[in-house]
N, C-alpha and C. Protein backbone atom coordinates (compact mmCIF):
# COMPACT_ATOMS: atom_id res chain seq x y z
N MET A 1 72.06 -111.70 -91.91
CA MET A 1 73.03 -111.15 -90.98
C MET A 1 73.03 -109.62 -91.11
N VAL A 2 73.10 -108.96 -89.98
CA VAL A 2 73.05 -107.50 -89.94
C VAL A 2 74.43 -106.93 -90.25
N ASP A 3 74.45 -105.90 -91.07
CA ASP A 3 75.68 -105.21 -91.40
C ASP A 3 76.19 -104.47 -90.16
N THR A 4 77.44 -104.70 -89.80
CA THR A 4 78.03 -104.08 -88.62
C THR A 4 77.99 -102.56 -88.72
N GLN A 5 78.06 -102.02 -89.91
CA GLN A 5 77.99 -100.57 -90.12
C GLN A 5 76.72 -100.00 -89.50
N TYR A 6 75.61 -100.70 -89.67
CA TYR A 6 74.34 -100.23 -89.14
C TYR A 6 74.28 -100.40 -87.62
N GLU A 7 74.82 -101.51 -87.12
CA GLU A 7 74.90 -101.67 -85.67
C GLU A 7 75.73 -100.54 -85.07
N CYS A 8 76.84 -100.22 -85.70
CA CYS A 8 77.70 -99.14 -85.21
C CYS A 8 76.96 -97.81 -85.20
N GLU A 9 76.16 -97.56 -86.21
CA GLU A 9 75.41 -96.30 -86.26
C GLU A 9 74.33 -96.24 -85.18
N VAL A 10 73.67 -97.36 -84.93
CA VAL A 10 72.68 -97.40 -83.85
C VAL A 10 73.35 -97.15 -82.51
N ILE A 11 74.48 -97.80 -82.28
CA ILE A 11 75.18 -97.62 -81.01
C ILE A 11 75.74 -96.20 -80.90
N ARG A 12 76.25 -95.66 -81.99
CA ARG A 12 76.73 -94.26 -81.98
C ARG A 12 75.59 -93.33 -81.57
N THR A 13 74.41 -93.56 -82.09
CA THR A 13 73.26 -92.74 -81.73
C THR A 13 72.97 -92.83 -80.24
N LEU A 14 73.03 -94.03 -79.70
CA LEU A 14 72.79 -94.20 -78.26
C LEU A 14 73.88 -93.52 -77.44
N VAL A 15 75.13 -93.65 -77.87
CA VAL A 15 76.24 -93.05 -77.12
C VAL A 15 76.16 -91.53 -77.16
N THR A 16 75.88 -90.96 -78.32
CA THR A 16 75.91 -89.50 -78.44
C THR A 16 74.69 -88.84 -77.84
N THR A 17 73.62 -89.58 -77.62
CA THR A 17 72.41 -88.99 -77.03
C THR A 17 72.08 -89.61 -75.68
N HIS A 18 73.05 -90.32 -75.10
CA HIS A 18 72.82 -91.05 -73.87
C HIS A 18 72.44 -90.12 -72.72
N SER A 19 71.37 -90.47 -72.07
CA SER A 19 70.92 -89.77 -70.88
C SER A 19 70.44 -90.83 -69.91
N TYR A 20 71.04 -90.89 -68.74
CA TYR A 20 70.72 -91.93 -67.77
C TYR A 20 69.22 -91.97 -67.48
N GLY A 21 68.65 -93.17 -67.59
CA GLY A 21 67.24 -93.35 -67.30
C GLY A 21 66.31 -92.87 -68.38
N SER A 22 66.84 -92.55 -69.55
CA SER A 22 66.00 -92.08 -70.66
C SER A 22 66.27 -92.90 -71.91
N PRO A 23 65.65 -94.08 -72.00
CA PRO A 23 65.87 -94.90 -73.20
C PRO A 23 65.31 -94.23 -74.44
N LEU A 24 65.88 -94.60 -75.59
CA LEU A 24 65.40 -94.10 -76.88
C LEU A 24 64.60 -95.20 -77.57
N SER A 25 63.46 -94.83 -78.10
CA SER A 25 62.64 -95.80 -78.83
C SER A 25 63.30 -96.13 -80.17
N GLY A 26 62.89 -97.23 -80.76
CA GLY A 26 63.41 -97.60 -82.08
C GLY A 26 63.16 -96.53 -83.12
N ASP A 27 61.97 -95.92 -83.08
CA ASP A 27 61.65 -94.84 -84.03
C ASP A 27 62.58 -93.65 -83.84
N GLU A 28 62.86 -93.31 -82.59
CA GLU A 28 63.73 -92.17 -82.32
C GLU A 28 65.18 -92.48 -82.75
N ILE A 29 65.61 -93.69 -82.52
CA ILE A 29 66.96 -94.08 -82.95
C ILE A 29 67.06 -93.98 -84.47
N ARG A 30 66.05 -94.48 -85.19
CA ARG A 30 66.08 -94.40 -86.65
C ARG A 30 66.06 -92.97 -87.14
N ARG A 31 65.33 -92.10 -86.47
CA ARG A 31 65.31 -90.68 -86.87
C ARG A 31 66.66 -90.02 -86.67
N ARG A 32 67.34 -90.36 -85.58
CA ARG A 32 68.61 -89.70 -85.26
C ARG A 32 69.82 -90.33 -85.94
N ALA A 33 69.72 -91.58 -86.29
CA ALA A 33 70.86 -92.29 -86.89
C ALA A 33 71.09 -91.81 -88.32
N ALA A 34 72.34 -91.82 -88.69
CA ALA A 34 72.73 -91.42 -90.05
C ALA A 34 72.58 -92.64 -90.98
N VAL A 35 71.32 -92.97 -91.26
CA VAL A 35 71.01 -94.11 -92.12
C VAL A 35 70.18 -93.58 -93.28
N PRO A 36 70.61 -93.87 -94.52
CA PRO A 36 69.82 -93.41 -95.67
C PRO A 36 68.39 -93.95 -95.61
N SER A 37 67.45 -93.17 -96.08
CA SER A 37 66.04 -93.56 -96.01
C SER A 37 65.74 -94.88 -96.71
N HIS A 38 66.51 -95.22 -97.73
CA HIS A 38 66.27 -96.48 -98.43
C HIS A 38 66.81 -97.69 -97.65
N ASP A 39 67.50 -97.45 -96.53
CA ASP A 39 68.04 -98.53 -95.71
C ASP A 39 67.37 -98.64 -94.35
N LEU A 40 66.16 -98.15 -94.22
CA LEU A 40 65.48 -98.18 -92.92
C LEU A 40 65.24 -99.60 -92.43
N ASP A 41 65.04 -100.55 -93.34
CA ASP A 41 64.89 -101.94 -92.91
C ASP A 41 66.17 -102.46 -92.28
N GLU A 42 67.31 -102.04 -92.83
CA GLU A 42 68.60 -102.42 -92.24
C GLU A 42 68.74 -101.81 -90.85
N ALA A 43 68.29 -100.58 -90.68
CA ALA A 43 68.36 -99.92 -89.37
C ALA A 43 67.48 -100.66 -88.37
N LYS A 44 66.29 -101.07 -88.79
CA LYS A 44 65.41 -101.84 -87.91
C LYS A 44 66.06 -103.14 -87.48
N ALA A 45 66.68 -103.82 -88.43
CA ALA A 45 67.37 -105.09 -88.13
C ALA A 45 68.54 -104.85 -87.18
N ALA A 46 69.25 -103.75 -87.37
CA ALA A 46 70.39 -103.43 -86.50
C ALA A 46 69.92 -103.14 -85.08
N ILE A 47 68.79 -102.45 -84.94
CA ILE A 47 68.24 -102.17 -83.61
C ILE A 47 67.91 -103.48 -82.92
N GLU A 48 67.30 -104.40 -83.63
CA GLU A 48 66.99 -105.70 -83.03
C GLU A 48 68.27 -106.45 -82.67
N SER A 49 69.27 -106.35 -83.50
CA SER A 49 70.53 -107.05 -83.27
C SER A 49 71.27 -106.53 -82.04
N VAL A 50 71.30 -105.20 -81.85
CA VAL A 50 72.06 -104.65 -80.73
C VAL A 50 71.40 -104.94 -79.39
N ARG A 51 70.13 -105.30 -79.40
CA ARG A 51 69.44 -105.64 -78.15
C ARG A 51 70.16 -106.76 -77.41
N GLY A 52 70.88 -107.60 -78.12
CA GLY A 52 71.55 -108.73 -77.51
C GLY A 52 72.91 -108.42 -76.91
N HIS A 53 73.41 -107.22 -77.10
CA HIS A 53 74.73 -106.88 -76.56
C HIS A 53 74.64 -106.63 -75.05
N LEU A 54 75.68 -107.02 -74.36
CA LEU A 54 75.77 -106.88 -72.91
C LEU A 54 75.65 -105.43 -72.46
N PHE A 55 76.09 -104.50 -73.26
CA PHE A 55 76.11 -103.08 -72.88
C PHE A 55 74.84 -102.33 -73.28
N ILE A 56 73.83 -103.04 -73.79
CA ILE A 56 72.55 -102.43 -74.16
C ILE A 56 71.46 -102.98 -73.25
N ALA A 57 70.68 -102.07 -72.66
CA ALA A 57 69.53 -102.46 -71.85
C ALA A 57 68.27 -102.27 -72.69
N ASP A 58 67.50 -103.33 -72.81
CA ASP A 58 66.25 -103.29 -73.55
C ASP A 58 65.14 -102.98 -72.56
N ARG A 59 64.53 -101.83 -72.68
CA ARG A 59 63.45 -101.40 -71.78
C ARG A 59 62.08 -101.59 -72.42
N GLY A 60 61.97 -102.58 -73.29
CA GLY A 60 60.69 -102.90 -73.91
C GLY A 60 60.16 -101.75 -74.75
N ASN A 61 58.90 -101.37 -74.51
CA ASN A 61 58.27 -100.29 -75.27
C ASN A 61 58.95 -98.95 -75.06
N ARG A 62 59.67 -98.78 -73.96
CA ARG A 62 60.35 -97.51 -73.69
C ARG A 62 61.58 -97.34 -74.56
N GLY A 63 62.19 -98.43 -75.00
CA GLY A 63 63.33 -98.34 -75.91
C GLY A 63 64.60 -98.96 -75.37
N LEU A 64 65.72 -98.47 -75.89
CA LEU A 64 67.05 -98.99 -75.55
C LEU A 64 67.86 -97.91 -74.86
N GLU A 65 68.74 -98.34 -73.97
CA GLU A 65 69.69 -97.43 -73.35
C GLU A 65 70.97 -98.19 -73.04
N LEU A 66 72.01 -97.45 -72.74
CA LEU A 66 73.30 -98.05 -72.42
C LEU A 66 73.31 -98.55 -70.98
N VAL A 67 74.03 -99.63 -70.76
CA VAL A 67 74.26 -100.14 -69.40
C VAL A 67 75.57 -99.53 -68.94
N THR A 68 75.50 -98.60 -68.03
CA THR A 68 76.70 -97.85 -67.64
C THR A 68 77.77 -98.74 -67.00
N GLY A 69 77.39 -99.82 -66.40
CA GLY A 69 78.37 -100.72 -65.79
C GLY A 69 79.11 -101.57 -66.81
N GLU A 70 78.74 -101.47 -68.07
CA GLU A 70 79.36 -102.27 -69.13
C GLU A 70 80.08 -101.41 -70.15
N PHE A 71 80.57 -100.25 -69.73
CA PHE A 71 81.28 -99.37 -70.67
C PHE A 71 82.57 -100.00 -71.19
N GLY A 72 83.17 -100.93 -70.45
CA GLY A 72 84.35 -101.62 -70.94
C GLY A 72 84.03 -102.45 -72.17
N ALA A 73 82.92 -103.20 -72.10
CA ALA A 73 82.49 -104.00 -73.25
C ALA A 73 82.08 -103.09 -74.40
N LEU A 74 81.44 -101.97 -74.08
CA LEU A 74 81.05 -101.00 -75.11
C LEU A 74 82.27 -100.41 -75.79
N ALA A 75 83.26 -99.99 -75.01
CA ALA A 75 84.49 -99.42 -75.57
C ALA A 75 85.21 -100.43 -76.45
N THR A 76 85.27 -101.67 -76.01
CA THR A 76 85.92 -102.72 -76.79
C THR A 76 85.19 -102.93 -78.12
N PHE A 77 83.86 -103.01 -78.08
CA PHE A 77 83.09 -103.18 -79.30
C PHE A 77 83.30 -102.01 -80.26
N LEU A 78 83.22 -100.80 -79.74
CA LEU A 78 83.38 -99.62 -80.59
C LEU A 78 84.77 -99.55 -81.22
N ALA A 79 85.78 -99.95 -80.47
CA ALA A 79 87.15 -99.92 -81.00
C ALA A 79 87.36 -101.02 -82.04
N GLU A 80 86.91 -102.23 -81.73
CA GLU A 80 87.20 -103.37 -82.60
C GLU A 80 86.26 -103.48 -83.79
N GLU A 81 84.99 -103.21 -83.59
CA GLU A 81 84.00 -103.41 -84.66
C GLU A 81 83.69 -102.13 -85.43
N CYS A 82 83.80 -100.98 -84.77
CA CYS A 82 83.39 -99.72 -85.39
C CYS A 82 84.57 -98.80 -85.68
N ASP A 83 85.77 -99.25 -85.37
CA ASP A 83 87.00 -98.50 -85.65
C ASP A 83 87.03 -97.12 -85.00
N TRP A 84 86.46 -97.00 -83.81
CA TRP A 84 86.56 -95.74 -83.08
C TRP A 84 87.98 -95.58 -82.57
N SER A 85 88.50 -94.38 -82.66
CA SER A 85 89.84 -94.10 -82.13
C SER A 85 89.78 -93.97 -80.61
N GLU A 86 90.93 -94.07 -79.99
CA GLU A 86 90.99 -93.89 -78.53
C GLU A 86 90.49 -92.50 -78.15
N PHE A 87 90.84 -91.51 -78.95
CA PHE A 87 90.40 -90.14 -78.68
C PHE A 87 88.87 -90.06 -78.65
N GLU A 88 88.22 -90.60 -79.67
CA GLU A 88 86.76 -90.56 -79.74
C GLU A 88 86.13 -91.33 -78.58
N LEU A 89 86.70 -92.48 -78.26
CA LEU A 89 86.19 -93.26 -77.13
C LEU A 89 86.27 -92.48 -75.83
N ARG A 90 87.41 -91.86 -75.59
CA ARG A 90 87.59 -91.12 -74.33
C ARG A 90 86.67 -89.90 -74.25
N ILE A 91 86.41 -89.27 -75.37
CA ILE A 91 85.50 -88.12 -75.36
C ILE A 91 84.05 -88.56 -75.15
N ARG A 92 83.65 -89.60 -75.83
CA ARG A 92 82.25 -90.05 -75.76
C ARG A 92 81.94 -90.84 -74.49
N LEU A 93 82.92 -91.54 -73.96
CA LEU A 93 82.72 -92.34 -72.75
C LEU A 93 83.51 -91.74 -71.59
N LYS A 94 83.36 -90.45 -71.41
CA LYS A 94 84.19 -89.72 -70.46
C LYS A 94 83.99 -90.14 -69.02
N HIS A 95 82.89 -90.81 -68.69
CA HIS A 95 82.66 -91.25 -67.32
C HIS A 95 83.22 -92.64 -67.05
N PHE A 96 83.73 -93.28 -68.08
CA PHE A 96 84.31 -94.60 -67.92
C PHE A 96 85.66 -94.49 -67.24
N GLU A 97 85.87 -95.30 -66.21
CA GLU A 97 87.10 -95.23 -65.44
C GLU A 97 88.01 -96.44 -65.62
N GLY A 98 87.68 -97.34 -66.51
CA GLY A 98 88.45 -98.57 -66.65
C GLY A 98 89.41 -98.61 -67.81
N TRP A 99 89.90 -97.46 -68.24
CA TRP A 99 90.80 -97.43 -69.41
C TRP A 99 92.03 -98.28 -69.21
N ASP A 100 92.58 -98.31 -68.02
CA ASP A 100 93.81 -99.07 -67.78
C ASP A 100 93.59 -100.58 -67.91
N ASP A 101 92.35 -101.02 -67.77
CA ASP A 101 92.05 -102.45 -67.83
C ASP A 101 91.78 -102.95 -69.25
N LEU A 102 91.69 -102.02 -70.21
CA LEU A 102 91.42 -102.43 -71.59
C LEU A 102 92.68 -102.73 -72.36
């Protein structure tokens, strides 16, 4: 089972470097993520694990990117699983318009 801490770090990397239409490869995610070098296998497992989330688009060899239409599910995951505050969510997901529905 993948440690949620590593999933959260992979998703944080995607959120903080998100650019529409520009997926990040697994290697690039591992380089940018705050994961100790001795835990790179955990980071690889977390990347594979997050591929199954509704808010992650798997672009094959091109990498992973966020599904902008699923920011509600992303915000919920980040709040519940990664302990992101409302402030951090609103700053990082500033284009999300469904706050009243959460």
